[in-house]
Amino acid sequence: MTHQEQAWNLIPTHQILPFITGTHFDYDAENQKYLCVIKLTDESTVIMPADDVEESHSKAIRVIKEMAHKNGWVLG
C-alpha cells in the first residue's frame, strides 16, 4: 500500500477529535518552519514542522489518525 492507500487515511477527522486535548501553532525562526503542536488524551504530543501552518496541521492530523488506527482507538 502506498501512503495514500493506508487505512488510517480513511478515518474521518471527527473520529479523532475526542482524543485531542489541545492544539497550538508556533514558529521555529531558526529553521523557518511552522509547528503544529497537538496534545492527546494519552498524554502524548504530536509536533509537526512544515513550511506553512496548513501543511503542519494536515501532517499532524495524519499522524494522529495513524496513531488512532494502530492503537485501536477508532475503527478504520
Protein backbone atom coordinates (compact mmCIF):
# COMPACT_ATOMS: atom_id res chain seq x y z
CA MET A 1 0.00 0.00 0.00
CA THR A 2 1.19 3.49 -0.71
CA HIS A 3 0.89 6.33 1.81
CA GLN A 4 -2.37 7.48 0.20
CA GLU A 5 -3.86 3.98 0.50
CA GLN A 6 -3.14 3.47 4.21
CA ALA A 7 -6.23 2.51 6.22
CA TRP A 8 -5.84 5.39 8.67
CA ASN A 9 -6.22 7.92 5.86
CA LEU A 10 -9.84 6.76 5.59
CA ILE A 11 -10.63 7.66 9.22
CA PRO A 12 -12.89 10.74 9.30
CA THR A 13 -11.22 13.58 11.20
CA HIS A 14 -14.22 13.96 13.53
CA GLN A 15 -13.48 10.47 14.91
CA ILE A 16 -10.12 11.55 16.30
CA LEU A 17 -11.30 14.82 17.84
CA PRO A 18 -12.21 13.22 21.22
CA PHE A 19 -8.52 12.25 21.62
CA ILE A 20 -7.25 15.82 21.20
CA THR A 21 -6.92 17.91 24.36
CA GLY A 22 -5.16 20.96 22.97
CA THR A 23 -3.71 22.47 19.82
CA HIS A 24 -1.45 25.42 19.19
CA PHE A 25 0.85 26.72 16.50
CA ASP A 26 4.35 28.08 16.86
CA TYR A 27 7.10 29.30 14.57
CA ASP A 28 10.67 28.00 14.66
CA ALA A 29 12.58 31.02 13.36
CA GLU A 30 15.92 29.21 13.35
CA ASN A 31 14.64 26.54 10.95
CA GLN A 32 11.99 28.78 9.35
CA LYS A 33 9.25 26.21 9.97
CA TYR A 34 5.76 26.45 11.39
CA LEU A 35 4.95 23.95 14.11
CA CYS A 36 1.59 22.39 14.83
CA VAL A 37 1.55 21.08 18.41
CA ILE A 38 -1.32 18.77 19.35
CA LYS A 39 -1.70 17.24 22.81
CA LEU A 40 -3.61 13.97 23.13
CA THR A 41 -5.62 12.28 25.88
CA ASP A 42 -2.93 9.60 26.33
CA GLU A 43 -0.58 12.46 27.35
CA SER A 44 1.47 12.21 24.16
CA THR A 45 2.20 15.24 22.00
CA VAL A 46 2.48 15.43 18.23
CA ILE A 47 4.76 18.22 16.97
CA MET A 48 4.79 18.58 13.21
CA PRO A 49 7.05 21.08 11.37
CA ALA A 50 6.23 22.33 7.87
CA ASP A 51 6.66 25.31 5.58
CA ASP A 52 3.20 26.68 6.36
CA VAL A 53 0.54 26.38 9.05
CA GLU A 54 -1.94 24.40 6.94
CA GLU A 55 0.67 21.84 5.94
CA SER A 56 1.86 21.38 9.54
CA HIS A 57 -1.74 20.88 10.70
CA SER A 58 -2.52 18.39 7.92
CA LYS A 59 0.60 16.38 8.68
CA ALA A 60 -0.18 16.31 12.40
CA ILE A 61 -3.74 15.13 11.77
CA ARG A 62 -2.44 12.31 9.54
CA VAL A 63 -0.04 11.20 12.30
CA ILE A 64 -2.87 11.21 14.86
CA LYS A 65 -5.08 9.17 12.52
CA GLU A 66 -2.25 6.65 12.16
CA MET A 67 -1.84 6.50 15.95
CA ALA A 68 -5.60 6.07 16.41
CA HIS A 69 -5.69 3.24 13.89
CA LYS A 70 -2.63 1.40 15.24
CA ASN A 71 -3.77 1.77 18.88
CA GLY A 72 -7.34 0.69 18.14
CA TRP A 73 -8.85 4.00 19.28
CA VAL A 74 -11.15 4.05 16.23
CA LEU A 75 -12.08 1.63 13.51
CA GLY A 76 -10.69 2.42 10.12
